[in-house]
C-alpha atoms as a PDB file:
ATOM      1  CA  MET A   1      -8.476  -8.928  -4.613  1.00  0.00           C
ATOM      2  CA  GLY A   2     -11.263  -8.812  -3.362  1.00  0.00           C
ATOM      3  CA  HIS A   3     -10.539  -9.252   0.552  1.00  0.00           C
ATOM      4  CA  ASN A   4     -12.570  -5.913   1.306  1.00  0.00           C
ATOM      5  CA  PRO A   5     -14.768  -5.450  -1.529  1.00  0.00           C
ATOM      6  CA  ASP A   6     -16.753  -2.251   0.809  1.00  0.00           C
ATOM      7  CA  GLY A   7     -13.750  -1.152   2.337  1.00  0.00           C
ATOM      8  CA  SER A   8     -14.224  -1.034   6.027  1.00  0.00           C
ATOM      9  CA  ILE A   9     -10.906  -2.478   6.042  1.00  0.00           C
ATOM     10  CA  ALA A  10      -9.350  -0.029   5.267  1.00  0.00           C
ATOM     11  CA  ARG A  11     -11.183   2.616   6.881  1.00  0.00           C
ATOM     12  CA  TRP A  12     -10.252   1.167   9.996  1.00  0.00           C
ATOM     13  CA  VAL A  13      -6.656   0.629   9.305  1.00  0.00           C
ATOM     14  CA  TRP A  14      -6.911   4.711   7.860  1.00  0.00           C
ATOM     15  CA  ARG A  15      -9.757   5.639  10.651  1.00  0.00           C
ATOM     16  CA  ASP A  16      -7.464   8.676  11.894  1.00  0.00           C
ATOM     17  CA  ARG A  17      -4.312  10.376  10.896  1.00  0.00           C
ATOM     18  CA  LYS A  18      -2.385  10.462  14.420  1.00  0.00           C
ATOM     19  CA  TRP A  19       0.369   7.474  12.637  1.00  0.00           C
ATOM     20  CA  SER A  20       3.000   6.747  15.453  1.00  0.00           C
ATOM     21  CA  PRO A  21       6.246   6.734  14.304  1.00  0.00           C
ATOM     22  CA  HIS A  22       5.952   2.606  14.852  1.00  0.00           C
ATOM     23  CA  ARG A  23       3.135   2.432  12.785  1.00  0.00           C
ATOM     24  CA  TYR A  24       4.531   4.908  10.081  1.00  0.00           C
ATOM     25  CA  ALA A  25       7.575   2.311  10.350  1.00  0.00           C
ATOM     26  CA  VAL A  26       4.933  -0.701  10.141  1.00  0.00           C
ATOM     27  CA  TYR A  27       3.409   0.487   7.169  1.00  0.00           C
ATOM     28  CA  LEU A  28       6.916   1.578   5.482  1.00  0.00           C
ATOM     29  CA  SER A  29       7.880  -2.598   5.999  1.00  0.00           C
ATOM     30  CA  PHE A  30       4.541  -2.914   4.428  1.00  0.00           C
ATOM     31  CA  MET A  31       4.947  -1.010   1.372  1.00  0.00           C
ATOM     32  CA  GLN A  32       8.910  -2.199   1.045  1.00  0.00           C
ATOM     33  CA  ALA A  33       7.763  -6.434   0.819  1.00  0.00           C
ATOM     34  CA  ALA A  34       4.699  -5.208  -1.385  1.00  0.00           C
ATOM     35  CA  ALA A  35       6.923  -3.183  -4.444  1.00  0.00           C
ATOM     36  CA  GLY A  36       9.190  -6.253  -3.756  1.00  0.00           C
ATOM     37  CA  GLN A  37       6.524  -8.715  -4.567  1.00  0.00           C
ATOM     38  CA  ALA A  38       5.080  -6.720  -7.441  1.00  0.00           C
ATOM     39  CA  ALA A  39       8.962  -6.178  -8.899  1.00  0.00           C
ATOM     40  CA  ALA A  40       8.711  -9.886  -9.139  1.00  0.00           C
ATOM     41  CA  THR A  41       5.585 -10.407 -11.276  1.00  0.00           C
ATOM     42  CA  PRO A  42       5.581  -9.379 -15.190  1.00  0.00           C
ATOM     43  CA  THR A  43       2.762  -6.678 -15.038  1.00  0.00           C
ATOM     44  CA  TRP A  44       5.996  -4.773 -12.394  1.00  0.00           C
ATOM     45  CA  PRO A  45       9.098  -2.288 -13.603  1.00  0.00           C
ATOM     46  CA  SER A  46      11.742  -4.735 -10.732  1.00  0.00           C
ATOM     47  CA  GLY A  47      13.352  -1.457 -10.384  1.00  0.00           C
ATOM     48  CA  ALA A  48      10.713   0.825  -9.114  1.00  0.00           C
ATOM     49  CA  SER A  49      10.260   1.913  -5.136  1.00  0.00           C
ATOM     50  CA  PRO A  50       7.801   1.272  -2.899  1.00  0.00           C
ATOM     51  CA  ASP A  51       6.627   5.000  -3.619  1.00  0.00           C
ATOM     52  CA  LEU A  52       5.599   4.228  -6.906  1.00  0.00           C
ATOM     53  CA  LEU A  53       3.391   1.484  -5.099  1.00  0.00           C
ATOM     54  CA  GLU A  54       2.379   4.016  -2.940  1.00  0.00           C
ATOM     55  CA  TYR A  55       1.663   6.807  -5.625  1.00  0.00           C
ATOM     56  CA  ALA A  56      -0.228   3.776  -7.912  1.00  0.00           C
ATOM     57  CA  LEU A  57      -2.548   3.306  -4.713  1.00  0.00           C
ATOM     58  CA  PHE A  58      -3.052   6.894  -3.303  1.00  0.00           C
ATOM     59  CA  SER A  59      -3.066   8.736  -6.808  1.00  0.00           C
ATOM     60  CA  THR A  60      -6.313   5.985  -8.627  1.00  0.00           C
ATOM     61  CA  SER A  61      -9.942   6.459  -7.385  1.00  0.00           C
ATOM     62  CA  TRP A  62     -11.272   3.293  -6.656  1.00  0.00           C
ATOM     63  CA  THR A  63     -14.809   3.466  -6.664  1.00  0.00           C
END
């Protein structure tokens, strides 16, 4: 939290839509790890898949 308050890092990461298979594999690996970390907290469902985290991230307005 607070590591990218102005969104500049996110804008750089998502700057284009032409992802290589490698870039997408890295993204999926990150989401798998992040979902595992979230599942280790008391506020996240322990059996939830990375899809739930992706849905939570991209279906919400962060403004």
